[in-house]
Amino acid sequence: MKQTNSIYLYQNTFSSLLSLIQLLIEAKIKPINIKNTNYTPSLFDTIITLEINEKDGINFWISKTTKEIIKTTYYIFLSNNPEKELIIYYFLLNSLKYQNKIFYLRRLNCVTKALKISHQVTNEAHKFKGFTRFKELKNHILYAEIAPENDILILLSHHFKNRLKNEYWIIKDTNRQIISIYDKNKFYIVDNNILKIDHLATTMENEKIEKLWKSFYKTIGIKERQNDRCRMNFMPKKYWKNMLEMSEEIEKNNK
């Protein structure tokens, strides 16, 4: 394959990235980097945008690889790793040769990185399934805020679509300013600028529930058995900001 010093751009979607990688592999091109269209190039960058067909790209990888490979690749795509596109490129390139055997080839640097990143995204999504806290708005819509490191909102949306299927709910990712809206049928992920929800107030009834929850959290805690280090392992401080039961402790630590 021929090495190129060009940076190839894709639309910021998983299908667009897969389609671009398909074209690069078929043309036997090893790019110096792959970035989405939000990338700000330097004066010395050579930028190339190829015309791609996203449907063809998806069909290509479905026919050439396995569900496990595509799922792992998708989780890497959701990560905040700045090198994720190149990692996906080399992971998919090798998967064409090794198929599912690739998961056991830890001697390949791209495999080691890919599995590590995929695990990090999976682990964070799992934690937020338990740490996400909803409040009830005046119109009886459940509302929650999260601040994950990775772009896991779509994974959480699938989870709560099944968990709270008979409720209207909104989840906002404050790091990316995107929100997921569920209407008891489907969820839609949109930019927060489309639906400004920062000013929405909670119900008086919910304020009573919050006080009861805080009281319950204090009651079940046995002071003699309190182990802050153990709690930090299961509930790191980075998750406290959006957790109701930790609000008083945050205030105490900020004084």
Protein backbone atom coordinates (compact mmCIF):
# COMPACT_ATOMS: atom_id res chain seq x y z
CA MET A 1 0.00 0.00 0.00
CA LYS A 2 1.23 3.49 -0.76
CA GLN A 3 1.80 5.99 2.06
CA THR A 4 0.38 9.46 1.59
CA ASN A 5 0.96 12.66 3.56
CA SER A 6 -2.61 13.78 2.98
CA ILE A 7 -5.32 14.07 5.62
CA TYR A 8 -8.65 12.64 4.47
CA LEU A 9 -11.90 14.15 5.72
CA TYR A 10 -15.25 12.47 6.39
CA GLN A 11 -18.63 13.74 7.54
CA ASN A 12 -18.92 13.25 11.29
CA THR A 13 -20.90 10.00 11.07
CA PHE A 14 -19.95 6.37 11.52
CA SER A 15 -21.23 5.37 8.08
CA SER A 16 -19.24 8.15 6.42
CA LEU A 17 -16.04 7.01 8.15
CA LEU A 18 -16.61 3.38 7.15
CA SER A 19 -17.21 4.41 3.55
CA LEU A 20 -14.05 6.52 3.43
CA ILE A 21 -11.95 3.69 4.87
CA GLN A 22 -13.39 1.32 2.28
CA LEU A 23 -12.27 3.65 -0.53
CA LEU A 24 -8.80 4.11 0.96
CA ILE A 25 -8.25 0.36 1.38
CA GLU A 26 -9.50 -0.42 -2.13
CA ALA A 27 -7.16 2.27 -3.51
CA LYS A 28 -4.32 0.82 -1.38
CA ILE A 29 -3.78 4.17 0.36
CA LYS A 30 -2.31 4.54 3.86
CA PRO A 31 -3.32 8.04 4.99
CA ILE A 32 -1.23 10.05 7.39
CA ASN A 33 -4.45 10.85 9.20
CA ILE A 34 -8.25 10.81 8.95
CA LYS A 35 -10.35 13.57 10.51
CA ASN A 36 -13.97 14.70 10.45
CA THR A 37 -15.04 17.94 8.82
CA ASN A 38 -14.77 19.83 12.13
CA TYR A 39 -10.99 19.49 11.92
CA THR A 40 -9.06 22.76 11.65
CA PRO A 41 -6.10 22.19 9.31
CA SER A 42 -2.71 23.81 9.71
CA LEU A 43 -0.94 25.72 6.94
CA PHE A 44 1.09 22.63 6.09
CA ASP A 45 -1.78 20.12 5.88
CA THR A 46 -2.88 18.64 2.59
CA ILE A 47 -6.61 18.03 2.89
CA ILE A 48 -8.51 15.64 0.61
CA THR A 49 -12.25 15.04 0.57
CA LEU A 50 -13.42 12.07 -1.46
CA GLU A 51 -16.87 11.56 -2.90
CA ILE A 52 -18.35 8.64 -1.02
CA ASN A 53 -21.54 6.60 -0.95
CA GLU A 54 -22.35 5.83 2.68
CA LYS A 55 -24.80 3.05 1.84
CA ASP A 56 -22.18 1.25 -0.24
CA GLY A 57 -19.66 1.58 2.58
CA ILE A 58 -21.98 0.06 5.17
CA ASN A 59 -22.92 -2.81 2.85
CA PHE A 60 -19.25 -3.47 2.11
CA TRP A 61 -18.26 -3.92 5.76
CA ILE A 62 -21.36 -5.95 6.60
CA SER A 63 -20.44 -8.37 3.83
CA LYS A 64 -16.70 -8.45 4.56
CA THR A 65 -16.54 -8.54 8.37
CA THR A 66 -18.59 -9.68 11.39
CA LYS A 67 -21.02 -8.06 13.82
CA GLU A 68 -18.42 -8.23 16.59
CA ILE A 69 -15.88 -6.31 14.49
CA ILE A 70 -18.39 -3.64 13.47
CA LYS A 71 -19.62 -3.25 17.07
CA THR A 72 -16.06 -2.85 18.38
CA THR A 73 -15.34 -0.32 15.63
CA TYR A 74 -18.50 1.64 16.50
CA TYR A 75 -17.54 1.86 20.18
CA ILE A 76 -14.12 3.20 19.17
CA PHE A 77 -15.89 5.79 17.01
CA LEU A 78 -17.86 6.95 20.07
CA SER A 79 -14.66 7.52 22.05
CA ASN A 80 -12.90 10.81 22.59
CA ASN A 81 -9.54 9.36 21.51
CA PRO A 82 -7.89 11.83 19.09
CA GLU A 83 -6.36 8.97 17.07
CA LYS A 84 -9.55 6.90 16.80
CA GLU A 85 -9.96 7.20 13.02
CA LEU A 86 -6.51 5.81 12.25
CA ILE A 87 -6.97 3.07 14.86
CA ILE A 88 -10.24 2.10 13.18
CA TYR A 89 -8.55 2.18 9.75
CA TYR A 90 -5.83 -0.30 10.75
CA PHE A 91 -8.21 -2.43 12.81
CA LEU A 92 -10.56 -2.82 9.84
CA LEU A 93 -7.67 -3.32 7.40
CA ASN A 94 -6.42 -6.27 9.45
CA SER A 95 -9.93 -7.60 10.06
CA LEU A 96 -10.30 -8.23 6.32
CA LYS A 97 -7.48 -10.75 6.62
CA TYR A 98 -8.08 -12.24 10.07
CA GLN A 99 -11.84 -11.79 10.63
CA ASN A 100 -12.78 -12.58 14.29
CA LYS A 101 -9.32 -14.03 14.93
CA ILE A 102 -8.19 -10.41 15.10
CA PHE A 103 -9.47 -10.17 18.70
CA TYR A 104 -6.72 -12.60 19.76
CA LEU A 105 -3.87 -10.89 17.91
CA ARG A 106 -2.69 -8.68 20.75
CA ARG A 107 0.74 -8.46 19.13
CA LEU A 108 -0.81 -6.03 16.65
CA ASN A 109 -0.67 -2.49 18.04
CA CYS A 110 -3.96 -1.50 16.40
CA VAL A 111 -5.75 -4.44 18.07
CA THR A 112 -4.39 -3.62 21.52
CA LYS A 113 -5.46 0.01 21.18
CA ALA A 114 -8.83 -0.86 19.66
CA LEU A 115 -9.84 -3.28 22.40
CA LYS A 116 -8.65 -0.94 25.14
CA ILE A 117 -10.67 1.99 23.79
CA SER A 118 -13.75 -0.15 23.15
CA HIS A 119 -13.59 -1.42 26.74
CA GLN A 120 -13.29 2.14 28.10
CA VAL A 121 -16.42 3.23 26.21
CA THR A 122 -18.34 0.11 27.27
CA ASN A 123 -17.30 0.59 30.89
CA GLU A 124 -18.30 4.26 30.98
CA ALA A 125 -21.69 3.53 29.39
CA HIS A 126 -22.29 0.80 31.98
CA LYS A 127 -21.49 3.17 34.85
CA PHE A 128 -23.80 5.88 33.57
CA LYS A 129 -26.67 3.39 33.36
CA GLY A 130 -26.46 3.36 37.15
CA PHE A 131 -25.30 6.92 37.83
CA THR A 132 -27.80 8.81 35.63
CA ARG A 133 -30.34 10.65 37.82
CA PHE A 134 -33.68 11.90 36.47
CA LYS A 135 -35.80 14.79 37.73
CA GLU A 136 -39.46 15.30 36.91
CA LEU A 137 -40.30 18.54 35.10
CA LYS A 138 -43.59 20.40 35.50
CA ASN A 139 -44.97 18.73 32.38
CA HIS A 140 -44.13 15.27 33.85
CA ILE A 141 -41.16 14.76 31.55
CA LEU A 142 -38.16 13.06 33.15
CA TYR A 143 -34.95 15.05 32.70
CA ALA A 144 -31.32 14.11 33.38
CA GLU A 145 -27.91 15.65 32.74
CA ILE A 146 -24.71 13.71 32.16
CA ALA A 147 -21.12 14.75 31.45
CA PRO A 148 -19.38 11.67 30.01
CA GLU A 149 -15.87 11.65 28.58
CA ASN A 150 -17.02 9.66 25.54
CA ASP A 151 -20.00 10.15 23.24
CA ILE A 152 -22.17 7.51 24.91
CA LEU A 153 -25.55 9.29 24.75
CA ILE A 154 -26.85 6.96 22.05
CA LEU A 155 -25.90 3.89 24.12
CA LEU A 156 -27.70 5.28 27.17
CA SER A 157 -30.70 6.19 25.04
CA HIS A 158 -31.10 2.57 23.91
CA HIS A 159 -30.86 1.48 27.55
CA PHE A 160 -33.45 3.91 28.91
CA LYS A 161 -35.73 3.37 25.92
CA ASN A 162 -36.19 -0.15 27.31
CA ARG A 163 -35.93 0.78 31.01
CA LEU A 164 -38.35 3.74 30.90
CA LYS A 165 -40.37 2.86 27.84
CA ASN A 166 -43.65 4.25 29.25
CA GLU A 167 -42.22 7.65 30.19
CA TYR A 168 -41.31 10.80 28.31
CA TRP A 169 -37.68 11.62 29.03
CA ILE A 170 -34.82 13.91 28.03
CA ILE A 171 -31.11 13.29 28.63
CA LYS A 172 -28.64 16.10 28.04
CA ASP A 173 -24.92 15.59 27.45
CA THR A 174 -23.52 18.84 28.86
CA ASN A 175 -20.03 18.21 27.47
CA ARG A 176 -21.24 18.02 23.86
CA GLN A 177 -24.40 20.12 24.21
CA ILE A 178 -26.58 17.44 22.64
CA ILE A 179 -29.82 15.99 23.96
CA SER A 180 -31.78 12.79 23.53
CA ILE A 181 -35.58 13.09 23.51
CA TYR A 182 -37.82 10.05 23.95
CA ASP A 183 -41.54 10.17 23.04
CA LYS A 184 -42.59 6.70 24.29
CA ASN A 185 -41.85 5.34 20.83
CA LYS A 186 -38.47 6.53 19.54
CA PHE A 187 -35.61 8.65 20.79
CA TYR A 188 -34.09 11.49 18.79
CA ILE A 189 -30.63 12.97 19.38
CA VAL A 190 -30.40 16.64 18.46
CA ASP A 191 -28.27 19.68 19.15
CA ASN A 192 -29.22 21.55 22.30
CA ASN A 193 -29.60 24.78 20.29
CA ILE A 194 -32.65 23.27 18.61
CA LEU A 195 -34.47 22.77 21.92
CA LYS A 196 -33.27 25.02 24.74
CA ILE A 197 -34.20 23.24 27.95
CA ASP A 198 -31.87 24.89 30.47
CA HIS A 199 -34.65 27.06 31.89
CA LEU A 200 -37.09 24.23 32.64
CA ALA A 201 -38.12 23.99 36.32
CA THR A 202 -38.86 20.92 38.39
CA THR A 203 -42.15 20.27 40.15
CA MET A 204 -42.70 21.00 43.83
CA GLU A 205 -43.48 17.31 44.28
CA ASN A 206 -40.09 16.42 42.87
CA GLU A 207 -38.39 18.74 45.38
CA LYS A 208 -39.99 16.70 48.18
CA ILE A 209 -38.77 13.48 46.55
CA GLU A 210 -35.25 14.93 46.34
CA LYS A 211 -35.25 15.66 50.08
CA LEU A 212 -36.50 12.14 50.82
CA TRP A 213 -33.81 10.62 48.61
CA LYS A 214 -31.05 12.61 50.31
CA SER A 215 -32.42 11.60 53.71
CA PHE A 216 -32.55 7.94 52.62
CA TYR A 217 -28.95 8.10 51.37
CA LYS A 218 -27.80 9.43 54.74
CA THR A 219 -29.85 6.89 56.68
CA ILE A 220 -28.52 3.77 54.92
CA GLY A 221 -24.95 4.92 55.39
CA ILE A 222 -23.31 3.37 58.47
CA LYS A 223 -20.72 5.86 59.71
CA GLU A 224 -18.50 3.18 61.30
CA ARG A 225 -18.33 1.31 57.98
CA GLN A 226 -17.75 4.34 55.78
CA ASN A 227 -14.90 3.71 53.38
CA ASP A 228 -14.21 6.73 51.17
CA ARG A 229 -11.54 4.96 49.13
CA CYS A 230 -13.86 2.06 48.32
CA ARG A 231 -16.65 4.47 47.41
CA MET A 232 -14.32 6.34 45.07
CA ASN A 233 -13.56 3.07 43.25
CA PHE A 234 -17.24 2.43 42.57
CA MET A 235 -18.33 6.05 42.26
CA PRO A 236 -15.47 8.35 41.09
CA LYS A 237 -15.84 12.06 41.80
CA LYS A 238 -16.20 12.91 38.12
CA TYR A 239 -19.72 11.41 38.28
CA TRP A 240 -20.86 13.32 41.39
CA LYS A 241 -21.83 16.54 39.65
CA ASN A 242 -25.08 15.15 38.26
CA MET A 243 -25.91 12.82 41.16
CA LEU A 244 -28.58 14.08 43.55
CA GLU A 245 -27.33 12.23 46.63
CA MET A 246 -23.84 13.76 46.30
CA SER A 247 -24.91 17.42 46.04
CA GLU A 248 -24.40 18.20 49.74
CA GLU A 249 -20.97 16.56 49.77
CA ILE A 250 -19.94 18.62 46.73
CA GLU A 251 -21.02 21.80 48.54
CA LYS A 252 -19.09 20.75 51.64
CA ASN A 253 -15.92 20.07 49.64
CA ASN A 254 -16.19 23.43 47.84
CA LYS A 255 -16.24 25.42 51.09
